[in-house]
Protein backbone atom coordinates (compact mmCIF):
# COMPACT_ATOMS: atom_id res chain seq x y z
CA LEU A 1 6.64 -1.36 -59.72
CA LEU A 2 5.36 -4.31 -57.68
CA SER A 3 1.97 -2.66 -57.20
CA LEU A 4 1.35 -2.35 -60.93
CA PRO A 5 -1.14 -4.83 -62.47
CA PRO A 6 0.48 -7.88 -64.11
CA SER A 7 0.90 -8.06 -67.86
CA SER A 8 -2.15 -9.21 -69.82
CA SER A 9 0.07 -11.25 -72.13
CA SER A 10 -0.30 -14.95 -71.33
CA TYR A 11 3.23 -15.52 -72.68
CA GLN A 12 4.68 -13.18 -70.04
CA GLU A 13 2.50 -14.22 -67.09
CA GLU A 14 4.74 -16.82 -65.51
CA LYS A 15 7.90 -14.81 -66.16
CA GLU A 16 6.30 -11.85 -64.43
CA VAL A 17 5.23 -13.95 -61.44
CA LEU A 18 8.79 -15.26 -61.06
CA LEU A 19 10.34 -11.80 -61.45
CA ARG A 20 8.02 -10.11 -58.94
CA PHE A 21 8.61 -12.74 -56.28
CA LYS A 22 12.37 -12.39 -56.77
CA LEU A 23 12.29 -8.59 -56.67
CA SER A 24 10.27 -8.36 -53.47
CA GLN A 25 12.27 -11.11 -51.76
CA ASN A 26 15.60 -9.52 -52.72
CA GLY A 27 14.34 -6.12 -51.60
CA VAL A 28 13.54 -7.41 -48.11
CA GLN A 29 16.79 -9.36 -47.88
CA ARG A 30 18.90 -6.31 -48.77
CA ARG A 31 17.20 -4.26 -46.06
CA CYS A 32 17.76 -7.01 -43.48
CA ALA A 33 21.25 -8.23 -44.40
CA LEU A 34 23.61 -8.25 -41.44
CA ASP A 35 26.58 -7.85 -43.78
CA GLU A 36 27.41 -7.78 -47.47
CA ASP A 37 28.58 -11.40 -47.47
CA THR A 38 25.24 -12.84 -46.41
CA GLU A 39 24.27 -15.53 -48.92
CA ASP A 40 21.41 -17.31 -47.19
CA ASP A 41 18.32 -16.77 -49.36
CA GLU A 42 16.10 -16.78 -46.29
CA ASP A 43 18.35 -14.95 -43.81
CA LEU A 44 16.56 -12.03 -42.15
CA GLY A 45 18.96 -11.74 -39.24
CA GLY A 46 18.95 -7.96 -39.37
CA LEU A 47 15.17 -7.52 -39.41
CA SER A 48 14.81 -7.03 -35.67
CA SER A 49 17.40 -4.23 -35.74
CA LEU A 50 15.30 -2.15 -38.15
CA SER A 51 12.90 0.54 -36.94
CA ARG A 52 9.21 -0.32 -36.80
CA LEU A 53 8.55 1.81 -39.86
CA ARG A 54 11.22 0.04 -41.90
CA ARG A 55 10.00 -3.39 -40.76
CA SER A 56 6.49 -2.39 -41.75
CA THR A 57 7.79 -1.32 -45.17
CA CYS A 58 9.30 -4.78 -45.67
CA PHE A 59 6.02 -6.47 -44.78
CA THR A 60 4.10 -4.14 -47.09
CA LEU A 61 6.46 -5.05 -49.93
CA LEU A 62 5.75 -8.76 -49.48
CA HIS A 63 2.01 -8.24 -49.07
CA THR A 64 1.76 -5.98 -52.13
CA THR A 65 3.43 -8.66 -54.24
CA LEU A 66 0.90 -11.28 -53.17
CA VAL A 67 -2.16 -9.04 -53.52
CA THR A 68 -1.10 -7.84 -56.97
CA LEU A 69 -0.44 -11.37 -58.24
CA GLN A 70 -3.39 -12.98 -56.47
CA PRO A 71 -5.92 -12.66 -59.36
CA LEU A 72 -3.41 -14.21 -61.72
CA LEU A 73 -2.45 -17.02 -59.34
CA LEU A 74 -6.03 -17.84 -58.39
CA SER A 75 -6.87 -18.28 -62.07
CA SER A 76 -5.01 -21.63 -61.92
CA LEU A 77 -2.12 -20.47 -64.08
CA GLU A 78 0.21 -23.38 -64.88
CA MET A 79 3.63 -22.95 -63.23
CA THR A 80 6.98 -24.60 -63.88
CA GLU A 81 8.94 -26.22 -61.07
CA THR A 82 11.35 -23.26 -61.12
CA THR A 83 8.55 -20.83 -60.37
CA LYS A 84 7.09 -23.10 -57.69
CA ALA A 85 10.52 -23.30 -56.05
CA GLN A 86 10.65 -19.49 -56.00
CA MET A 87 7.17 -19.43 -54.45
CA GLN A 88 8.32 -21.84 -51.74
CA SER A 89 11.38 -19.70 -51.02
CA PHE A 90 9.19 -16.58 -50.84
CA ALA A 91 6.79 -18.32 -48.44
CA SER A 92 9.61 -19.49 -46.16
CA LEU A 93 11.15 -16.03 -46.05
CA THR A 94 7.76 -14.49 -45.26
CA THR A 95 7.13 -16.83 -42.33
CA SER A 96 10.54 -15.97 -40.86
CA CYS A 97 9.53 -12.30 -40.57
CA LEU A 98 7.49 -12.93 -37.42
CA HIS A 99 10.37 -14.08 -35.23
CA ASN A 100 11.03 -11.66 -32.34
CA GLU A 101 8.33 -9.21 -33.46
CA THR A 102 6.90 -7.29 -30.49
CA ASP A 103 5.06 -4.31 -31.93
CA PRO A 104 1.29 -5.01 -32.12
CA ARG A 105 0.98 -2.97 -35.34
CA CYS A 106 3.58 -5.10 -37.07
CA LEU A 107 2.15 -8.26 -35.51
CA LEU A 108 -1.29 -7.53 -36.98
CA GLN A 109 0.29 -6.67 -40.33
CA LEU A 110 2.20 -9.96 -40.37
CA LEU A 111 -0.78 -12.10 -39.40
CA GLN A 112 -2.77 -10.52 -42.23
CA LEU A 113 0.19 -11.18 -44.53
CA PHE A 114 0.27 -14.83 -43.43
CA SER A 115 -3.43 -15.24 -44.19
CA THR A 116 -2.93 -13.82 -47.68
CA LEU A 117 0.13 -16.04 -48.13
CA GLN A 118 -1.88 -19.17 -47.29
CA ASN A 119 -4.77 -18.26 -49.55
CA THR A 120 -2.53 -17.34 -52.47
CA LEU A 121 0.38 -19.81 -52.48
CA ALA A 122 -0.76 -22.89 -50.54
CA PRO A 123 -3.00 -24.12 -53.41
CA TYR A 124 0.04 -24.04 -55.73
CA LEU A 125 2.26 -25.83 -53.21
CA PRO A 126 0.09 -28.67 -51.83
CA HIS A 127 3.14 -30.66 -50.71
CA ASN A 128 5.77 -27.94 -50.26
CA PHE A 129 4.03 -25.02 -48.56
CA PRO A 130 5.88 -24.36 -45.26
CA HIS A 131 2.96 -25.00 -42.91
CA GLU A 132 5.25 -26.15 -40.10
CA GLU A 133 7.53 -23.13 -40.48
CA LEU A 134 4.49 -20.88 -40.32
CA PHE A 135 3.19 -22.65 -37.22
CA ASP A 136 6.61 -22.51 -35.51
CA ALA A 137 6.72 -18.76 -36.09
CA MET A 138 3.21 -18.26 -34.69
CA ALA A 139 3.27 -20.67 -31.74
CA PRO A 140 5.25 -18.43 -29.31
CA TYR A 141 2.47 -15.83 -29.53
CA TYR A 142 -0.23 -18.15 -28.22
CA PRO A 143 -2.29 -17.17 -26.37
CA ILE A 144 -2.52 -13.64 -27.73
CA GLN A 145 -2.04 -11.27 -24.80
CA PHE A 146 -2.38 -7.58 -25.50
CA THR A 147 -3.84 -4.61 -23.67
CA PRO A 148 -4.00 -1.38 -25.67
CA PRO A 149 -2.16 1.49 -23.99
CA PRO A 150 -4.09 4.52 -22.68
CA ASN A 151 -5.17 6.96 -25.40
CA ASP A 152 -4.43 4.37 -28.09
CA VAL A 153 -5.08 5.76 -31.57
CA HIS A 154 -4.42 2.62 -33.63
CA GLY A 155 -7.58 0.68 -32.74
CA ILE A 156 -5.78 -2.64 -32.32
CA THR A 157 -7.38 -4.89 -29.72
CA GLN A 158 -6.64 -8.33 -28.37
CA ASN A 159 -9.78 -9.63 -30.07
CA ILE A 160 -8.67 -8.32 -33.47
CA LEU A 161 -5.26 -9.95 -33.11
CA HIS A 162 -6.79 -13.19 -31.86
CA ASN A 163 -9.26 -13.44 -34.76
CA VAL A 164 -6.59 -12.96 -37.42
CA TYR A 165 -4.33 -15.39 -35.57
CA MET A 166 -7.07 -18.05 -35.59
CA ASP A 167 -7.73 -17.43 -39.29
CA CYS A 168 -4.19 -18.64 -39.94
CA LEU A 169 -4.43 -21.64 -37.61
CA THR A 170 -7.69 -22.82 -39.15
CA TRP A 171 -6.34 -22.94 -42.70
CA PRO A 172 -7.57 -26.33 -44.05
CA ASN A 173 -4.33 -28.27 -43.79
CA GLU A 174 -4.11 -31.48 -41.76
CA ARG A 175 -0.62 -30.83 -40.38
CA MET A 176 -1.40 -27.23 -39.45
CA ARG A 177 -4.58 -28.31 -37.69
CA GLU A 178 -2.78 -31.13 -35.87
CA LEU A 179 -0.04 -28.83 -34.55
CA SER A 180 -2.57 -26.16 -33.55
CA VAL A 181 -4.75 -28.59 -31.60
CA GLU A 182 -1.72 -29.90 -29.71
CA MET A 183 -0.64 -26.35 -28.86
CA VAL A 184 -4.06 -25.47 -27.46
CA LEU A 185 -4.25 -28.73 -25.50
CA ASP A 186 -0.89 -27.94 -23.92
CA ARG A 187 -2.39 -24.73 -22.61
CA LEU A 188 -5.25 -26.66 -21.02
CA ARG A 189 -3.16 -29.37 -19.36
CA PRO A 190 -2.14 -28.86 -15.73
CA LEU A 191 1.54 -28.06 -15.33
CA GLU A 192 3.69 -30.85 -13.98
CA LYS A 193 5.26 -30.10 -10.63
CA LYS A 194 9.02 -29.81 -10.91
CA SER A 195 11.37 -31.84 -8.77
CA TYR A 196 13.12 -30.12 -5.89
CA TYR A 197 16.38 -31.00 -7.61
CA ASP A 198 15.36 -29.52 -10.96
CA GLU A 199 18.05 -27.00 -11.93
CA ASP A 200 15.75 -25.05 -14.24
CA ASP A 201 14.67 -21.91 -12.38
CA ASP A 202 12.37 -20.67 -15.17
CA GLU A 203 8.96 -21.94 -14.11
CA GLU A 204 6.15 -21.79 -16.65
CA GLU A 205 3.12 -19.93 -15.36
CA GLU A 206 -0.15 -21.82 -15.04
CA ALA A 207 -2.86 -20.56 -17.38
CA SER A 208 -5.60 -18.57 -15.70
CA MET A 209 -9.21 -19.72 -15.79
CA ASP A 210 -10.07 -17.05 -18.37
CA GLU A 211 -7.18 -18.18 -20.55
CA LYS A 212 -8.30 -21.79 -20.31
CA LEU A 213 -11.84 -20.86 -21.28
CA GLU A 214 -10.45 -18.98 -24.27
CA SER A 215 -8.38 -22.03 -25.20
CA LEU A 216 -11.48 -24.23 -24.99
CA ARG A 217 -13.24 -21.92 -27.43
CA ASP A 218 -10.22 -22.09 -29.73
CA LEU A 219 -10.20 -25.87 -29.50
CA LYS A 220 -13.87 -25.92 -30.47
CA VAL A 221 -13.06 -23.83 -33.54
CA LEU A 222 -10.20 -26.11 -34.53
CA LEU A 223 -12.08 -29.36 -34.05
CA PHE A 224 -15.70 -28.74 -34.88
CA LEU A 225 -16.87 -25.35 -36.07
CA ASN A 226 -15.76 -22.39 -38.10
CA LYS A 227 -14.99 -19.24 -36.17
CA GLU A 228 -18.27 -17.44 -36.78
CA GLU A 229 -20.39 -20.39 -35.63
CA SER A 230 -18.29 -20.91 -32.53
CA GLN A 231 -18.55 -17.25 -31.49
CA ASP A 232 -22.31 -17.29 -31.97
CA ASN A 233 -22.56 -20.24 -29.62
C-alpha cells in the first residue's frame, strides 16, 4: 500500500501524506513495542530485540514512505500544522532507529534513510526538524570503523559507510554543521591525562595518526569544501 503512487487528486494530497506517515510509523511501532501498554509515540524500545531481517523491514517501511511521497513533497505542497506535526513525529521516530544498531547492512540502510529524510522533510520543517536528535544518534558511530569479514558477499566497505555518513553531516543546517565540527575537533584534540585518583577506569583510546588524518579530511569537508572537491584534493 505504501509503495503505491500518491493520488493525483489535489484535494486528497495532504490527507494522503498524513495517512501514509501515520501508517508507516504505527507499523514500525507495533513491531517494536515492548508491551501492549506502550503509549509513547516514539518508543522503539523493542527494536534491538528484533532479528536483523525484521529491523531491515522496519527501515524499508520508513524509507518507502519517504521515497513514494518525495515527488509530492518536493513540489512545495502546502501543509497544515497537523500534517507538519506528524512529519516531525515521523522524523524523530526515524532518527531513534539508529540507537544500538551494530549490523553494517542495517547501518548503511539507516544512513541512506537519514539522507532521504533530510532531503524530503527538512525543507518543510525549517525550525522543527530534529537535527540534534539525528546528530545524537549518529555521533557514537564516529569515526566509522569497519573491516569487511573474509569472503564478504555484501560489498559494504568502510569507505561506503563513511561517505553516506558524511552526506548526513554535511546537510546545510547551521546547528548540524556546528555539532559535527565540534565532534571532529574532539577527535583531533590530545586526550587529557587522568588524575591518579580518578575513579573512572574506562580510559578513552587516543586516536591513531591515520584516524586523525581522516578527521582532518572530514573537517575540511565540513568547513570549506563539498565532499567531491575535498577527495580530489
